[in-house]
Amino acid sequence: MHALDQAPIALQGKQSEQIALFISDLHLQQALPATTHAFTAFLHDHAMHARQLYLLGDIFEYWAGDDDIDTPYISAVIGAIRQVSDAGVEVFWIGGNRDFLAGEEFARSTGLTLLPDPHIAVIAGRRILLAHGDAQCTDDHAYMTFRTQVRNAAWQQTFLAQPLAQRKQIIEGLRVGSREAQRSKSDEIMDVNAGAIDSLFEATGTSVMIHGHTHRPARHSIRSGGSERIRYVLADWDCDTKPPRGGWIAVGSDGAIRRYDIDGVELQ
């Protein structure tokens, strides 16, 4: 049985009160069937009952180009997302460092809306700053140089002009290099830079932010000039190892922001 055909797992939540849900960093791939199943269960049991779903990057382990959407695994995931959008839920996407090449054909196939990074969403009367989070890891100079290169339109055009199989080989080499490079980097370097976060708050005039990327789920309270800024970090997902991890953030009709673990249990 394919992972996407399994029966949904039972999760607990407050669907009737939830307007918008936020997830990131699932790193979906065929080699992780339990994580894929957890994602489709989340879509069925929770996203279907919300008004909006925000996918904030690295939903896929990699994205080689929109011409890969007919691959059976990718097609099945796209179909699961499409069921949510077809049900009337607004689905939004911010690309991560792994899947930033997802484009217009992917958006049409899933029925979602591509958003810039960063983006300000107004939900339940609250202005919420959304980002993947990698652009704020400014202490990682090597990564920032690489990010500038691959986000360049000319680089992307040249890359996407290559055969799909060749692109996948290049990506696999980059993944191996990334894993090796991370072994020599400190946790501090791979986390967001406090100054970069402050600058983003200042530039956008917001006081609430939700992002992923760092795989360090938390709620951070920052005092600045007598006011409070709140930064929520989304969890990464991995249900193919023990113990399973993951979760999401929800904004309710009352404007309250709540965090949930992979089992749908609200975190305090």
Protein backbone atom coordinates (compact mmCIF):
# COMPACT_ATOMS: atom_id res chain seq x y z
CA MET A 1 0.00 0.00 0.00
CA HIS A 2 1.31 3.44 -0.90
CA ALA A 3 1.95 5.78 2.06
CA LEU A 4 -0.67 8.23 0.76
CA ASP A 5 -3.33 5.51 0.68
CA GLN A 6 -3.12 4.65 4.36
CA ALA A 7 -5.96 5.54 6.69
CA PRO A 8 -5.47 8.87 8.49
CA ILE A 9 -4.17 8.76 12.02
CA ALA A 10 -6.34 10.18 14.81
CA LEU A 11 -5.13 13.54 16.10
CA GLN A 12 -6.59 15.93 18.61
CA GLY A 13 -7.14 19.63 17.94
CA LYS A 14 -9.48 22.58 18.06
CA GLN A 15 -10.47 22.62 14.43
CA SER A 16 -13.66 24.62 14.90
CA GLU A 17 -11.69 27.54 16.38
CA GLN A 18 -8.78 27.52 13.97
CA ILE A 19 -8.57 29.97 11.08
CA ALA A 20 -5.01 29.42 9.83
CA LEU A 21 -2.49 26.60 10.22
CA PHE A 22 1.27 26.80 9.67
CA ILE A 23 3.78 24.03 8.99
CA SER A 24 7.29 23.78 7.57
CA ASP A 25 10.34 21.54 7.26
CA LEU A 26 8.70 18.20 6.53
CA HIS A 27 11.43 17.34 4.01
CA LEU A 28 9.03 14.97 2.27
CA GLN A 29 10.58 12.20 0.22
CA GLN A 30 9.64 8.69 -0.78
CA ALA A 31 12.16 7.26 1.68
CA LEU A 32 10.12 8.66 4.60
CA PRO A 33 6.70 6.95 4.33
CA ALA A 34 5.68 7.54 7.96
CA THR A 35 6.38 11.26 7.69
CA THR A 36 4.43 11.37 4.43
CA HIS A 37 1.53 9.58 6.11
CA ALA A 38 1.62 12.02 9.04
CA PHE A 39 1.44 14.92 6.58
CA THR A 40 -1.56 13.53 4.72
CA ALA A 41 -3.25 12.77 8.05
CA PHE A 42 -2.65 16.38 9.12
CA LEU A 43 -4.20 17.61 5.87
CA HIS A 44 -7.26 15.39 6.31
CA ASP A 45 -7.81 15.85 10.04
CA HIS A 46 -6.82 19.50 10.49
CA ALA A 47 -6.13 21.52 7.36
CA MET A 48 -9.48 20.53 5.85
CA HIS A 49 -11.22 22.23 8.78
CA ALA A 50 -9.27 25.51 8.65
CA ARG A 51 -9.79 28.49 6.40
CA GLN A 52 -6.14 28.85 5.47
CA LEU A 53 -3.04 26.66 5.34
CA TYR A 54 0.45 28.15 5.14
CA LEU A 55 3.32 25.94 3.96
CA LEU A 56 6.46 27.81 5.02
CA GLY A 57 9.22 26.04 3.18
CA ASP A 58 11.15 22.77 2.94
CA ILE A 59 7.93 20.85 2.58
CA PHE A 60 9.92 18.71 0.14
CA GLU A 61 13.47 17.50 0.72
CA TYR A 62 14.31 19.00 -2.66
CA TRP A 63 12.56 20.42 -5.71
CA ALA A 64 14.34 19.94 -9.02
CA GLY A 65 11.77 21.80 -11.10
CA ASP A 66 8.08 21.82 -11.95
CA ASP A 67 8.66 19.26 -14.70
CA ASP A 68 9.06 16.70 -11.89
CA ILE A 69 5.39 16.88 -10.88
CA ASP A 70 4.47 13.72 -12.78
CA THR A 71 6.76 11.57 -10.66
CA PRO A 72 4.36 9.19 -8.85
CA TYR A 73 5.40 10.22 -5.34
CA ILE A 74 5.37 13.95 -6.10
CA SER A 75 2.06 13.59 -7.92
CA ALA A 76 0.52 11.85 -4.90
CA VAL A 77 1.64 14.62 -2.53
CA ILE A 78 0.36 17.27 -4.93
CA GLY A 79 -2.97 15.44 -5.07
CA ALA A 80 -3.23 15.47 -1.27
CA ILE A 81 -2.64 19.23 -1.17
CA ARG A 82 -5.08 19.72 -4.04
CA GLN A 83 -7.84 18.01 -2.04
CA VAL A 84 -7.41 20.71 0.61
CA SER A 85 -7.55 23.60 -1.83
CA ASP A 86 -10.49 22.00 -3.68
CA ALA A 87 -12.33 21.86 -0.34
CA GLY A 88 -12.22 25.66 -0.23
CA VAL A 89 -9.21 26.10 2.05
CA GLU A 90 -6.82 28.84 0.93
CA VAL A 91 -3.34 27.31 0.67
CA PHE A 92 -0.22 29.49 0.62
CA TRP A 93 3.41 28.63 -0.05
CA ILE A 94 6.75 30.20 0.85
CA GLY A 95 9.68 28.32 -0.62
CA GLY A 96 12.44 27.07 1.64
CA ASN A 97 16.10 26.51 0.98
CA ARG A 98 15.24 23.03 -0.32
CA ASP A 99 12.17 23.74 -2.47
CA PHE A 100 12.47 27.38 -3.55
CA LEU A 101 12.31 26.33 -7.21
CA ALA A 102 8.64 25.35 -6.90
CA GLY A 103 6.93 27.58 -9.45
CA GLU A 104 3.73 28.45 -11.27
CA GLU A 105 3.03 24.96 -12.62
CA PHE A 106 3.35 23.54 -9.11
CA ALA A 107 1.02 26.27 -7.83
CA ARG A 108 -1.58 25.46 -10.50
CA SER A 109 -1.37 21.74 -9.81
CA THR A 110 -1.94 22.17 -6.08
CA GLY A 111 -4.29 25.15 -6.24
CA LEU A 112 -2.12 27.18 -3.90
CA THR A 113 -0.77 30.74 -3.95
CA LEU A 114 2.96 31.46 -4.02
CA LEU A 115 4.05 34.14 -1.54
CA PRO A 116 7.25 36.18 -1.32
CA ASP A 117 9.67 35.70 1.56
CA PRO A 118 9.04 37.53 3.84
CA HIS A 119 5.28 38.09 3.73
CA ILE A 120 2.84 39.86 6.06
CA ALA A 121 -0.48 38.06 6.54
CA VAL A 122 -3.45 39.64 8.30
CA ILE A 123 -5.25 36.88 10.21
CA ALA A 124 -8.00 37.42 12.77
CA GLY A 125 -7.04 41.10 12.81
CA ARG A 126 -3.37 40.38 13.55
CA ARG A 127 -0.48 41.31 11.28
CA ILE A 128 1.80 38.28 11.27
CA LEU A 129 5.21 38.24 9.62
CA LEU A 130 5.91 34.98 7.79
CA ALA A 131 9.24 33.67 6.47
CA HIS A 132 11.06 30.43 5.92
CA GLY A 133 13.91 31.66 8.14
CA ASP A 134 17.06 30.86 6.19
CA ALA A 135 17.54 34.47 5.04
CA GLN A 136 17.98 35.46 8.68
CA CYS A 137 20.84 32.98 9.33
CA THR A 138 23.32 35.68 8.45
CA ASP A 139 26.13 34.32 10.65
CA ASP A 140 26.49 31.41 8.23
CA HIS A 141 28.46 33.36 5.64
CA ALA A 142 29.10 30.39 3.35
CA TYR A 143 25.41 29.58 3.19
CA MET A 144 24.42 33.19 2.59
CA THR A 145 26.83 33.34 -0.38
CA PHE A 146 25.32 30.14 -1.75
CA ARG A 147 21.79 31.44 -1.17
CA THR A 148 22.49 34.61 -3.11
CA GLN A 149 23.79 32.53 -6.01
CA VAL A 150 20.90 30.09 -6.28
CA ARG A 151 18.24 32.77 -5.80
CA ASN A 152 19.62 34.66 -8.79
CA ALA A 153 17.18 34.53 -11.74
CA ALA A 154 19.93 33.90 -14.30
CA TRP A 155 21.34 31.00 -12.26
CA GLN A 156 17.89 29.47 -11.94
CA GLN A 157 17.20 29.81 -15.66
CA THR A 158 20.48 28.06 -16.50
CA PHE A 159 19.88 25.33 -13.93
CA LEU A 160 16.31 24.61 -15.02
CA ALA A 161 17.40 24.40 -18.66
CA GLN A 162 19.38 21.24 -17.88
CA PRO A 163 17.77 17.77 -18.15
CA LEU A 164 15.79 16.75 -15.06
CA ALA A 165 18.02 13.74 -14.33
CA GLN A 166 21.11 15.95 -14.42
CA ARG A 167 19.49 18.48 -12.09
CA LYS A 168 18.73 15.72 -9.60
CA GLN A 169 22.35 14.58 -9.69
CA ILE A 170 23.52 18.13 -8.99
CA ILE A 171 21.06 18.47 -6.12
CA GLU A 172 22.19 15.18 -4.59
CA GLY A 173 25.79 16.42 -4.69
CA LEU A 174 24.73 19.64 -2.99
CA ARG A 175 22.87 17.70 -0.31
CA VAL A 176 25.93 15.59 0.46
CA GLY A 177 28.10 18.71 0.61
CA SER A 178 25.59 20.44 2.88
CA ARG A 179 25.55 17.55 5.35
CA GLU A 180 29.34 17.52 5.49
CA ALA A 181 29.55 21.29 5.95
CA GLN A 182 27.02 21.26 8.79
CA ARG A 183 29.21 18.94 10.84
CA SER A 184 31.79 21.70 11.21
CA LYS A 185 29.32 24.49 12.00
CA SER A 186 28.25 25.49 15.48
CA ASP A 187 24.60 25.57 16.50
CA GLU A 188 24.83 29.34 16.86
CA ILE A 189 25.99 29.83 13.26
CA MET A 190 23.09 27.77 11.91
CA ASP A 191 20.49 29.66 13.95
CA VAL A 192 18.91 32.98 13.00
CA ASN A 193 20.85 36.13 13.81
CA ALA A 194 19.19 38.31 16.47
CA GLY A 195 20.09 41.49 14.62
CA ALA A 196 18.60 40.17 11.38
CA ILE A 197 15.36 39.34 13.21
CA ASP A 198 15.23 42.79 14.82
CA SER A 199 15.83 44.45 11.45
CA LEU A 200 13.01 42.46 9.89
CA PHE A 201 10.61 43.43 12.67
CA GLU A 202 11.62 47.07 12.28
CA ALA A 203 11.32 47.06 8.49
CA THR A 204 7.86 45.50 8.52
CA GLY A 205 6.42 47.21 11.60
CA THR A 206 5.22 43.88 12.92
CA SER A 207 5.41 42.35 16.38
CA VAL A 208 4.63 38.67 15.64
CA MET A 209 6.66 36.38 13.41
CA ILE A 210 6.34 32.72 12.40
CA HIS A 211 9.17 30.91 10.62
CA GLY A 212 10.83 27.53 10.25
CA HIS A 213 14.20 26.37 8.88
CA THR A 214 16.20 26.04 12.11
CA HIS A 215 14.43 22.89 13.38
CA ARG A 216 14.27 24.49 16.84
CA PRO A 217 10.58 24.81 17.69
CA ALA A 218 10.00 27.48 20.30
CA ARG A 219 8.22 30.65 21.31
CA HIS A 220 10.62 33.55 21.81
CA SER A 221 9.60 36.76 23.58
CA ILE A 222 11.70 39.82 22.78
CA ARG A 223 11.39 43.15 24.58
CA SER A 224 12.18 46.20 22.46
CA GLY A 225 11.48 49.81 23.40
CA GLY A 226 8.91 48.85 25.99
CA SER A 227 6.95 46.62 23.60
CA GLU A 228 6.98 42.86 23.15
CA ARG A 229 7.83 41.01 19.96
CA ILE A 230 6.99 37.33 19.67
CA ARG A 231 8.84 34.95 17.36
CA TYR A 232 7.44 31.47 16.82
CA VAL A 233 9.65 28.78 15.32
CA LEU A 234 7.98 25.81 13.63
CA ALA A 235 9.01 22.22 14.24
CA ASP A 236 10.60 20.01 11.63
CA TRP A 237 8.89 16.67 10.96
CA ASP A 238 10.38 13.18 11.14
CA CYS A 239 8.03 10.31 11.92
CA ASP A 240 10.32 7.64 10.48
CA THR A 241 12.61 7.69 13.52
CA LYS A 242 11.80 7.32 17.21
CA PRO A 243 10.47 9.28 18.89
CA PRO A 244 8.54 10.94 16.06
CA ARG A 245 8.63 14.71 15.93
CA GLY A 246 6.73 17.48 14.21
CA GLY A 247 3.88 19.86 14.83
CA TRP A 248 2.19 23.01 13.70
CA ILE A 249 0.99 26.43 14.76
CA ALA A 250 -2.61 27.62 14.61
CA VAL A 251 -4.22 31.04 14.76
CA GLY A 252 -7.74 30.96 16.17
CA SER A 253 -10.75 33.14 15.53
CA ASP A 254 -9.90 34.94 18.76
CA GLY A 255 -6.47 35.85 17.38
CA ALA A 256 -4.72 33.53 19.82
CA ILE A 257 -1.68 31.65 18.53
CA ARG A 258 -1.34 28.06 19.69
CA ARG A 259 1.40 25.47 19.16
CA TYR A 260 0.74 21.74 18.69
CA ASP A 261 2.98 18.71 18.69
CA ILE A 262 2.86 15.90 16.12
CA ASP A 263 0.02 14.18 18.04
CA GLY A 264 -2.13 17.31 18.01
CA VAL A 265 -1.56 18.04 21.69
CA GLU A 266 -1.39 21.74 22.50
CA LEU A 267 1.97 22.89 23.84
CA GLN A 268 2.16 25.31 26.72
